[in-house]
Amino acid sequence: MAQSSTRILDRFLNLLPTVTIREGHRIKVYLSGDLELPAYRAAFPLNRRSSMIRRLLLGALLLLVCVLPVSAQFVSVVYDPTNYANAVLRYGQLQAQLSQLITTYNQIRTQYLLLRTQAERLPFVLTPRYQSLRTPWRPLVAPSLYGTTLPWVTAANTGVSPAAAVTRATEALVPYGGGLSRLSAAELSRVQERYDRTQLTDGAITNGLEAIGRLRQNQASVETTLQNLEVDAYSDDPALHTQVAVLDKINAAGVAGTRIAKDTNYLLVSLLEQQVLDATERREAAAQGINAHVAFLTQAGPLLARTTGGTTQALSTFRIP
C-alpha cells in the first residue's frame, strides 16, 4: 500500500510549475545570462562626456535588472484556480484509492487470521489419546498324528498348495466306471449330479482354504502399513502435518476404523474356517454315500448271486419227512 501511494504521488511531484499571468499584471524578470546590447558607439559617435553618461546609465540599468528580480521571487505570488481544482480532484482520487487499499488489507488480514487459526495444532499429544490396541493374528495350529492334516494346516497359514491339502485330508472319490450302465435314465442323472456337486464342494473347500492362508500370510504386511499410518497420524513432526487440526482427528478416526475393519476380517476368517470345516464334513458324508452306492452296484450283484444260488431248486425239491 505504501509503495502504491508513493508511485501515485510521484506523478504529481514531477510536474513542472505552471504560472498563468493575467493581462496588465506587473512582473519582474530574472536573467540568468549576459544581456547582449548593440554597439552604440559605432552607430552614434559620442563625445567624452556623453560617453561617460551613457556608461553610467547602462551600469544602472544592468544593476536594476540583475538585483531587483531577486525580490520578485518572494513578493510576487500567482494563484491559478485551474491547477488548484486539479489538485483537489487528484486528492479525492487518492483518498478513494487509499480507502480501497485499506479494505483490501482488511480482507487479506481476515483470511490470514482464519488460516492461522485452522493451522493450529491440538493442545495435547495425540498418541495416548487416540491410539488403539492391536489384535494379533494367530496361526492355525492342530495336531497331526498320522500326518494327514499337516498339509491342511500349512495351506491354512500360507495359502500354499490348498488342493493337495484337501486331497490329503479327505476321502477321495471313486469313479463309477461300468456300474452306471446298469442304472435307469432317471437314477443315472441323479447319481451324476450328486457326484459333480461333491466335486464342486471340493473346489469351494480348496478356494476357502487358499483365501484363509493368503489372509494369514499377508497380515504382517498389512499390520506394518497400519502401524506406519498410525505413527504418521500421531506424530508431532510439523513436516507430517500439512493439513489443519481437524484433519488430524479425521486421520485418527480413519486409523481406528481401519483397525476395527481388520479385527472384523479376523472374525470373518475364523467363521470362514468353521464353514469350510462344516462343508468338509458334509462332503465326507456325501463321498461315503457315493462310495457305498458304487460298491453296491459293482459288488452286490455277484454277491447276491452267490448267496441265493440253488435256493429255488432246494425249495422245489424240499419234502416234509
Protein backbone atom coordinates (compact mmCIF):
# COMPACT_ATOMS: atom_id res chain seq x y z
CA MET A 1 0.00 0.00 0.00
CA ALA A 2 2.85 2.42 0.83
CA GLN A 3 4.56 1.71 -2.49
CA SER A 4 1.34 2.34 -4.42
CA SER A 5 0.80 5.68 -2.67
CA THR A 6 4.40 6.71 -3.38
CA ARG A 7 4.05 5.92 -7.09
CA ILE A 8 0.81 7.93 -7.31
CA LEU A 9 2.27 10.96 -5.50
CA ASP A 10 5.45 10.91 -7.61
CA ARG A 11 3.42 11.66 -10.72
CA PHE A 12 2.26 14.95 -9.19
CA LEU A 13 5.62 15.88 -7.66
CA ASN A 14 7.38 15.57 -11.02
CA LEU A 15 5.07 18.12 -12.72
CA LEU A 16 6.75 21.44 -13.68
CA PRO A 17 5.11 24.58 -12.18
CA THR A 18 2.71 26.44 -14.47
CA VAL A 19 2.20 30.19 -13.95
CA THR A 20 -0.70 31.99 -15.63
CA ILE A 21 -0.46 35.84 -15.65
CA ARG A 22 -3.46 37.98 -16.34
CA GLU A 23 -3.24 40.81 -18.79
CA GLY A 24 -1.73 44.07 -17.36
CA HIS A 25 -0.09 42.43 -14.35
CA ARG A 26 3.34 43.78 -13.46
CA ILE A 27 6.16 41.26 -13.20
CA LYS A 28 9.93 41.25 -12.77
CA VAL A 29 12.19 39.15 -14.98
CA TYR A 30 15.39 37.48 -13.76
CA LEU A 31 18.11 36.99 -16.39
CA SER A 32 20.42 34.04 -15.88
CA GLY A 33 22.85 35.10 -18.63
CA ASP A 34 24.54 38.17 -20.09
CA LEU A 35 22.39 40.65 -21.97
CA GLU A 36 23.80 41.43 -25.40
CA LEU A 37 23.39 45.10 -26.49
CA PRO A 38 24.21 46.64 -29.88
CA ALA A 39 27.39 48.67 -30.37
CA TYR A 40 26.06 52.20 -29.90
CA ARG A 41 29.50 53.81 -30.32
CA ALA A 42 29.80 52.60 -33.91
CA ALA A 43 26.30 53.79 -34.89
CA PHE A 44 26.31 57.03 -32.93
CA PRO A 45 29.67 58.80 -32.31
CA LEU A 46 29.73 60.35 -28.86
CA ASN A 47 31.91 62.82 -27.10
CA ARG A 48 33.73 62.03 -23.89
CA ARG A 49 31.05 63.47 -21.62
CA SER A 50 28.16 61.80 -23.41
CA SER A 51 30.05 58.50 -23.37
CA MET A 52 30.51 58.75 -19.61
CA ILE A 53 26.78 59.47 -19.07
CA ARG A 54 25.75 56.56 -21.23
CA ARG A 55 28.09 54.27 -19.37
CA LEU A 56 26.57 55.29 -16.08
CA LEU A 57 23.03 54.79 -17.38
CA LEU A 58 23.96 51.37 -18.77
CA GLY A 59 25.51 50.30 -15.46
CA ALA A 60 22.43 51.47 -13.55
CA LEU A 61 20.17 49.54 -15.95
CA LEU A 62 22.20 46.37 -15.56
CA LEU A 63 22.23 46.76 -11.79
CA LEU A 64 18.46 47.27 -11.80
CA VAL A 65 17.89 44.20 -13.99
CA CYS A 66 20.19 41.94 -12.02
CA VAL A 67 19.19 42.93 -8.47
CA LEU A 68 15.50 43.71 -8.50
CA PRO A 69 14.20 40.32 -9.84
CA VAL A 70 15.61 38.56 -6.78
CA SER A 71 12.93 40.12 -4.64
CA ALA A 72 10.25 39.23 -7.18
CA GLN A 73 10.62 35.56 -6.28
CA PHE A 74 9.49 36.28 -2.71
CA VAL A 75 6.93 39.03 -3.11
CA SER A 76 5.16 38.07 -6.36
CA VAL A 77 2.73 35.10 -5.86
CA VAL A 78 0.46 33.97 -8.73
CA TYR A 79 -2.75 31.98 -7.94
CA ASP A 80 -4.07 29.56 -10.63
CA PRO A 81 -7.65 28.28 -9.97
CA THR A 82 -7.37 25.57 -12.64
CA ASN A 83 -4.31 23.98 -11.06
CA TYR A 84 -5.93 24.21 -7.64
CA ALA A 85 -9.09 22.44 -8.88
CA ASN A 86 -7.00 19.69 -10.49
CA ALA A 87 -5.04 19.25 -7.28
CA VAL A 88 -8.28 18.92 -5.26
CA LEU A 89 -9.64 16.36 -7.76
CA ARG A 90 -6.45 14.33 -7.58
CA TYR A 91 -6.51 14.46 -3.82
CA GLY A 92 -10.03 12.99 -3.83
CA GLN A 93 -8.91 10.21 -6.15
CA LEU A 94 -6.03 9.44 -3.81
CA GLN A 95 -8.45 9.25 -0.89
CA ALA A 96 -10.66 6.77 -2.79
CA GLN A 97 -7.64 4.65 -3.69
CA LEU A 98 -6.49 4.74 -0.09
CA SER A 99 -9.91 3.57 1.11
CA GLN A 100 -9.84 0.71 -1.41
CA LEU A 101 -6.37 -0.31 -0.25
CA ILE A 102 -7.50 -0.29 3.38
CA THR A 103 -10.49 -2.51 2.51
CA THR A 104 -8.27 -4.96 0.62
CA TYR A 105 -5.81 -5.05 3.51
CA ASN A 106 -8.59 -5.87 6.00
CA GLN A 107 -9.86 -8.69 3.80
CA ILE A 108 -6.39 -10.20 3.44
CA ARG A 109 -5.78 -9.88 7.17
CA THR A 110 -9.08 -11.62 7.95
CA GLN A 111 -8.24 -14.50 5.63
CA TYR A 112 -4.78 -14.78 7.15
CA LEU A 113 -6.17 -14.94 10.69
CA LEU A 114 -8.65 -17.63 9.62
CA LEU A 115 -5.92 -19.74 8.02
CA ARG A 116 -3.71 -19.27 11.05
CA THR A 117 -6.47 -20.45 13.38
CA GLN A 118 -7.16 -23.50 11.21
CA ALA A 119 -3.47 -24.40 11.08
CA GLU A 120 -3.02 -24.52 14.85
CA ARG A 121 -2.29 -27.96 16.31
CA LEU A 122 -4.32 -29.58 19.05
CA PRO A 123 -3.09 -28.66 22.56
CA PHE A 124 -2.28 -32.24 23.60
CA VAL A 125 -0.33 -35.31 22.48
CA LEU A 126 -2.31 -37.43 20.02
CA THR A 127 -0.69 -40.82 20.69
CA PRO A 128 -2.01 -41.60 24.21
CA ARG A 129 -5.35 -40.02 23.40
CA TYR A 130 -6.26 -41.80 20.14
CA GLN A 131 -4.00 -44.86 19.81
CA SER A 132 -5.90 -48.16 19.92
CA LEU A 133 -4.69 -51.62 20.93
CA ARG A 134 -3.65 -54.08 18.26
CA THR A 135 -5.28 -57.50 17.88
CA PRO A 136 -2.66 -60.08 16.83
CA TRP A 137 -3.44 -62.74 14.26
CA ARG A 138 -2.94 -66.31 15.38
CA PRO A 139 -1.87 -69.12 13.01
CA LEU A 140 -3.85 -72.33 12.77
CA VAL A 141 -2.30 -74.98 14.99
CA ALA A 142 -3.60 -78.57 15.13
CA PRO A 143 -2.01 -81.95 15.94
CA SER A 144 -1.47 -84.38 13.07
CA LEU A 145 -0.79 -87.80 14.50
CA TYR A 146 -0.72 -89.57 11.14
CA GLY A 147 0.30 -86.55 9.04
CA THR A 148 -2.92 -86.31 7.07
CA THR A 149 -3.83 -82.80 8.27
CA LEU A 150 -0.34 -81.31 8.20
CA PRO A 151 -0.71 -80.06 4.57
CA TRP A 152 -4.10 -78.61 5.57
CA VAL A 153 -2.54 -76.60 8.43
CA THR A 154 0.24 -75.37 6.13
CA ALA A 155 -2.25 -74.26 3.47
CA ALA A 156 -4.45 -72.53 6.07
CA ASN A 157 -1.46 -70.48 7.29
CA THR A 158 0.26 -69.73 3.98
CA GLY A 159 -2.20 -70.45 1.15
CA VAL A 160 0.30 -72.83 -0.47
CA SER A 161 -0.98 -76.00 -2.26
CA PRO A 162 -4.56 -75.98 -0.93
CA ALA A 163 -5.74 -78.61 -3.45
CA ALA A 164 -3.10 -81.10 -2.31
CA ALA A 165 -4.02 -80.40 1.31
CA VAL A 166 -7.71 -81.09 0.65
CA THR A 167 -6.89 -84.30 -1.24
CA ARG A 168 -4.62 -85.50 1.59
CA ALA A 169 -7.09 -84.77 4.39
CA THR A 170 -10.28 -86.03 2.75
CA GLU A 171 -11.51 -89.27 1.26
CA ALA A 172 -11.03 -89.50 -2.49
CA LEU A 173 -13.98 -90.10 -4.79
CA VAL A 174 -14.07 -93.43 -6.60
CA PRO A 175 -15.35 -93.35 -10.20
CA TYR A 176 -18.43 -95.45 -11.07
CA GLY A 177 -16.89 -96.98 -14.14
CA GLY A 178 -19.15 -99.50 -15.84
CA GLY A 179 -21.62 -99.56 -12.97
CA LEU A 180 -23.56 -96.64 -14.48
CA SER A 181 -24.75 -98.79 -17.36
CA ARG A 182 -27.00 -100.75 -15.02
CA LEU A 183 -28.92 -97.67 -13.87
CA SER A 184 -32.06 -96.25 -15.32
CA ALA A 185 -32.01 -92.86 -17.01
CA ALA A 186 -33.53 -91.03 -14.02
CA GLU A 187 -31.28 -92.74 -11.50
CA LEU A 188 -28.26 -92.15 -13.74
CA SER A 189 -28.98 -88.37 -13.83
CA ARG A 190 -29.32 -88.17 -10.04
CA VAL A 191 -26.11 -90.08 -9.48
CA GLN A 192 -24.14 -87.90 -11.93
CA GLU A 193 -25.44 -84.66 -10.41
CA ARG A 194 -24.59 -85.79 -6.90
CA TYR A 195 -21.12 -86.80 -7.97
CA ASP A 196 -20.46 -83.45 -9.70
CA ARG A 197 -21.81 -81.48 -6.74
CA THR A 198 -19.36 -83.28 -4.50
CA GLN A 199 -16.54 -82.24 -6.81
CA LEU A 200 -17.87 -78.65 -6.72
CA THR A 201 -17.74 -78.81 -2.93
CA ASP A 202 -14.13 -79.89 -3.21
CA GLY A 203 -13.42 -76.76 -5.28
CA ALA A 204 -15.18 -74.48 -2.77
CA ILE A 205 -13.23 -76.02 0.09
CA THR A 206 -9.97 -75.53 -1.80
CA ASN A 207 -10.72 -71.87 -2.57
CA GLY A 208 -11.76 -71.13 1.00
CA LEU A 209 -8.62 -72.77 2.37
CA GLU A 210 -6.44 -70.72 0.00
CA ALA A 211 -8.22 -67.47 0.95
CA ILE A 212 -7.63 -68.16 4.63
CA GLY A 213 -3.97 -68.88 4.01
CA ARG A 214 -3.44 -65.75 1.91
CA LEU A 215 -5.02 -63.54 4.58
CA ARG A 216 -2.82 -65.02 7.27
CA GLN A 217 0.29 -64.83 5.07
CA ASN A 218 -0.25 -61.12 4.24
CA GLN A 219 -1.38 -59.97 7.68
CA ALA A 220 2.20 -58.98 8.65
CA SER A 221 2.46 -56.55 5.73
CA VAL A 222 -0.99 -55.12 6.48
CA GLU A 223 -0.07 -54.69 10.14
CA THR A 224 3.14 -52.84 9.20
CA THR A 225 1.20 -50.48 6.92
CA LEU A 226 -1.34 -49.73 9.64
CA GLN A 227 1.43 -49.06 12.17
CA ASN A 228 3.15 -46.62 9.79
CA LEU A 229 -0.15 -44.84 9.18
CA GLU A 230 -0.75 -44.66 12.91
CA VAL A 231 2.72 -43.27 13.64
CA ASP A 232 2.40 -40.62 10.91
CA ALA A 233 -1.05 -39.59 12.07
CA TYR A 234 0.01 -39.17 15.71
CA SER A 235 3.49 -37.72 15.07
CA ASP A 236 4.48 -34.30 16.44
CA ASP A 237 6.69 -33.55 13.42
CA PRO A 238 5.27 -30.50 11.57
CA ALA A 239 6.51 -31.90 8.26
CA LEU A 240 3.99 -34.75 8.57
CA HIS A 241 1.06 -32.37 9.18
CA THR A 242 0.29 -30.09 6.30
CA GLN A 243 -3.45 -30.09 6.97
CA VAL A 244 -5.45 -28.35 9.67
CA ALA A 245 -6.09 -29.77 13.12
CA VAL A 246 -9.46 -31.21 12.15
CA LEU A 247 -7.71 -33.40 9.58
CA ASP A 248 -5.61 -34.82 12.40
CA LYS A 249 -8.77 -36.04 14.07
CA ILE A 250 -10.04 -37.44 10.79
CA ASN A 251 -6.78 -39.34 10.37
CA ALA A 252 -7.12 -40.72 13.88
CA ALA A 253 -10.68 -41.81 13.20
CA GLY A 254 -9.57 -43.41 9.94
CA VAL A 255 -6.85 -45.37 11.71
CA ALA A 256 -9.30 -46.55 14.35
CA GLY A 257 -11.82 -47.53 11.69
CA THR A 258 -9.18 -49.44 9.77
CA ARG A 259 -8.20 -51.24 12.96
CA ILE A 260 -11.83 -52.25 13.58
CA ALA A 261 -12.17 -53.44 9.99
CA LYS A 262 -9.02 -55.52 10.42
CA ASP A 263 -10.45 -57.16 13.54
CA THR A 264 -13.71 -57.79 11.73
CA ASN A 265 -11.82 -59.51 8.94
CA TYR A 266 -10.12 -61.66 11.54
CA LEU A 267 -13.51 -62.75 12.89
CA LEU A 268 -14.82 -63.38 9.40
CA VAL A 269 -11.81 -65.54 8.61
CA SER A 270 -12.44 -67.60 11.74
CA LEU A 271 -16.07 -68.01 10.73
CA LEU A 272 -14.98 -68.98 7.24
CA GLU A 273 -12.73 -71.65 8.71
CA GLN A 274 -15.68 -73.15 10.56
CA GLN A 275 -17.81 -73.05 7.45
CA VAL A 276 -15.06 -74.74 5.47
CA LEU A 277 -14.84 -77.47 8.08
CA ASP A 278 -18.63 -77.94 8.06
CA ALA A 279 -18.58 -78.14 4.29
CA THR A 280 -15.81 -80.71 4.55
CA GLU A 281 -17.89 -82.85 6.91
CA ARG A 282 -20.89 -82.70 4.58
CA ARG A 283 -18.63 -83.52 1.70
CA GLU A 284 -17.28 -86.55 3.57
CA ALA A 285 -20.79 -87.84 4.21
CA ALA A 286 -21.68 -87.39 0.56
CA ALA A 287 -18.47 -89.09 -0.57
CA GLN A 288 -19.12 -92.05 1.74
CA GLY A 289 -22.64 -92.42 0.43
CA ILE A 290 -21.42 -92.27 -3.15
CA ASN A 291 -18.71 -94.80 -2.50
CA ALA A 292 -21.19 -97.14 -0.75
CA HIS A 293 -23.50 -96.85 -3.73
CA VAL A 294 -20.65 -97.57 -6.10
CA ALA A 295 -19.69 -100.64 -4.05
CA PHE A 296 -23.28 -101.85 -4.02
CA LEU A 297 -23.64 -101.54 -7.76
CA THR A 298 -20.33 -103.20 -8.53
CA GLN A 299 -20.31 -105.92 -5.84
CA ALA A 300 -23.91 -106.59 -4.73
CA GLY A 301 -24.96 -108.45 -7.91
CA PRO A 302 -22.33 -111.19 -7.83
CA LEU A 303 -22.60 -111.46 -4.04
CA LEU A 304 -26.37 -111.95 -4.16
CA ALA A 305 -25.95 -114.42 -6.99
CA ARG A 306 -23.55 -116.49 -4.94
CA THR A 307 -25.68 -116.21 -1.82
CA THR A 308 -29.01 -117.14 -3.39
CA GLY A 309 -27.66 -119.64 -5.87
CA GLY A 310 -29.56 -123.03 -5.63
CA THR A 311 -32.25 -121.64 -3.40
CA THR A 312 -35.02 -122.19 -5.97
CA GLN A 313 -34.02 -125.78 -6.59
CA ALA A 314 -33.74 -126.52 -2.88
CA LEU A 315 -37.18 -125.14 -2.22
CA SER A 316 -38.76 -127.02 -5.10
CA THR A 317 -37.24 -130.32 -4.08
CA PHE A 318 -37.89 -129.88 -0.38
CA ARG A 319 -40.20 -132.54 1.14
CA ILE A 320 -41.51 -132.82 4.63
CA PRO A 321 -40.39 -136.13 6.10
